[in-house]
């Protein structure tokens, strides 16, 4: 199971990025929500709280790491 989780996290990390602030926030939020739901399902946190926290963190990190041009 841990191999599947590790490969999924790697694939999600490398799969989607955006060029603008909004695109990076949305893709980061989606990746974070998926990862948070997966982690929440495997821990006592729960699926929905994990997805909410992961989505919020992912959106924040995605927006904060937008490259400046």
C-alpha atoms as a PDB file:
ATOM      1  CA  UNK A   1       0.000   0.000   0.000  1.00  0.00           C
ATOM      2  CA  UNK A   2       2.815   2.406   0.783  1.00  0.00           C
ATOM      3  CA  UNK A   3       4.288   1.916  -2.700  1.00  0.00           C
ATOM      4  CA  UNK A   4       0.962   2.889  -4.249  1.00  0.00           C
ATOM      5  CA  UNK A   5       0.731   5.972  -2.029  1.00  0.00           C
ATOM      6  CA  UNK A   6       4.299   6.987  -2.840  1.00  0.00           C
ATOM      7  CA  UNK A   7       3.880   6.564  -6.580  1.00  0.00           C
ATOM      8  CA  UNK A   8       0.558   8.423  -6.481  1.00  0.00           C
ATOM      9  CA  UNK A   9       2.081  11.336  -4.602  1.00  0.00           C
ATOM     10  CA  UNK A  10       4.969  11.530  -7.037  1.00  0.00           C
ATOM     11  CA  UNK A  11       2.639  11.408 -10.040  1.00  0.00           C
ATOM     12  CA  UNK A  12       0.348  14.077  -8.605  1.00  0.00           C
ATOM     13  CA  UNK A  13       3.270  16.317  -7.750  1.00  0.00           C
ATOM     14  CA  UNK A  14       4.670  16.177 -11.256  1.00  0.00           C
ATOM     15  CA  UNK A  15       1.400  16.103 -13.178  1.00  0.00           C
ATOM     16  CA  UNK A  16      -0.060  19.571 -12.947  1.00  0.00           C
ATOM     17  CA  UNK A  17       1.281  23.059 -12.696  1.00  0.00           C
ATOM     18  CA  UNK A  18       0.097  26.363 -14.040  1.00  0.00           C
ATOM     19  CA  UNK A  19       1.571  29.571 -15.340  1.00  0.00           C
ATOM     20  CA  UNK A  20      -0.606  32.118 -13.573  1.00  0.00           C
ATOM     21  CA  UNK A  21      -1.403  32.699  -9.925  1.00  0.00           C
ATOM     22  CA  UNK A  22      -4.954  31.408 -10.336  1.00  0.00           C
ATOM     23  CA  UNK A  23      -3.984  28.290 -12.266  1.00  0.00           C
ATOM     24  CA  UNK A  24      -1.374  27.355  -9.688  1.00  0.00           C
ATOM     25  CA  UNK A  25      -3.844  27.912  -6.836  1.00  0.00           C
ATOM     26  CA  UNK A  26      -6.479  25.699  -8.484  1.00  0.00           C
ATOM     27  CA  UNK A  27      -4.101  22.903  -9.466  1.00  0.00           C
ATOM     28  CA  UNK A  28      -2.385  23.041  -6.076  1.00  0.00           C
ATOM     29  CA  UNK A  29      -5.757  22.880  -4.349  1.00  0.00           C
ATOM     30  CA  UNK A  30      -6.809  19.872  -6.419  1.00  0.00           C
ATOM     31  CA  UNK A  31      -3.577  18.021  -5.783  1.00  0.00           C
ATOM     32  CA  UNK A  32      -3.743  18.887  -2.087  1.00  0.00           C
ATOM     33  CA  UNK A  33      -7.366  17.782  -1.781  1.00  0.00           C
ATOM     34  CA  UNK A  34      -6.654  14.450  -3.420  1.00  0.00           C
ATOM     35  CA  UNK A  35      -3.594  13.839  -1.303  1.00  0.00           C
ATOM     36  CA  UNK A  36      -5.373  14.971   1.852  1.00  0.00           C
ATOM     37  CA  UNK A  37      -8.310  12.674   1.162  1.00  0.00           C
ATOM     38  CA  UNK A  38      -5.948   9.760   0.640  1.00  0.00           C
ATOM     39  CA  UNK A  39      -4.067  10.477   3.850  1.00  0.00           C
ATOM     40  CA  UNK A  40      -7.328  11.083   5.713  1.00  0.00           C
ATOM     41  CA  UNK A  41      -8.669   7.722   4.556  1.00  0.00           C
ATOM     42  CA  UNK A  42      -5.595   5.964   5.917  1.00  0.00           C
ATOM     43  CA  UNK A  43      -5.608   7.769   9.278  1.00  0.00           C
ATOM     44  CA  UNK A  44      -8.225   8.498  11.945  1.00  0.00           C
ATOM     45  CA  UNK A  45      -8.602  12.070  10.618  1.00  0.00           C
ATOM     46  CA  UNK A  46     -11.200  11.044   8.041  1.00  0.00           C
ATOM     47  CA  UNK A  47     -11.718  11.570   4.345  1.00  0.00           C
ATOM     48  CA  UNK A  48     -13.482  14.942   4.283  1.00  0.00           C
ATOM     49  CA  UNK A  49     -11.332  16.763   6.870  1.00  0.00           C
ATOM     50  CA  UNK A  50      -8.203  15.481   5.146  1.00  0.00           C
ATOM     51  CA  UNK A  51      -9.442  16.724   1.772  1.00  0.00           C
ATOM     52  CA  UNK A  52     -10.379  20.135   3.175  1.00  0.00           C
ATOM     53  CA  UNK A  53      -7.059  20.690   4.914  1.00  0.00           C
ATOM     54  CA  UNK A  54      -5.072  19.326   1.970  1.00  0.00           C
ATOM     55  CA  UNK A  55      -6.977  21.485  -0.499  1.00  0.00           C
ATOM     56  CA  UNK A  56      -6.457  24.645   1.536  1.00  0.00           C
ATOM     57  CA  UNK A  57      -2.758  23.988   2.019  1.00  0.00           C
ATOM     58  CA  UNK A  58      -2.286  23.005  -1.630  1.00  0.00           C
ATOM     59  CA  UNK A  59      -4.033  26.128  -2.909  1.00  0.00           C
ATOM     60  CA  UNK A  60      -1.971  28.332  -0.623  1.00  0.00           C
ATOM     61  CA  UNK A  61       1.315  26.738  -1.610  1.00  0.00           C
ATOM     62  CA  UNK A  62       0.392  26.768  -5.300  1.00  0.00           C
ATOM     63  CA  UNK A  63      -0.473  30.459  -5.215  1.00  0.00           C
ATOM     64  CA  UNK A  64       2.548  31.377  -3.097  1.00  0.00           C
ATOM     65  CA  UNK A  65       5.026  29.660  -5.417  1.00  0.00           C
ATOM     66  CA  UNK A  66       3.969  31.395  -8.623  1.00  0.00           C
ATOM     67  CA  UNK A  67       7.117  32.362 -10.526  1.00  0.00           C
ATOM     68  CA  UNK A  68       7.671  36.053 -11.112  1.00  0.00           C
ATOM     69  CA  UNK A  69       8.313  37.182 -14.646  1.00  0.00           C
END
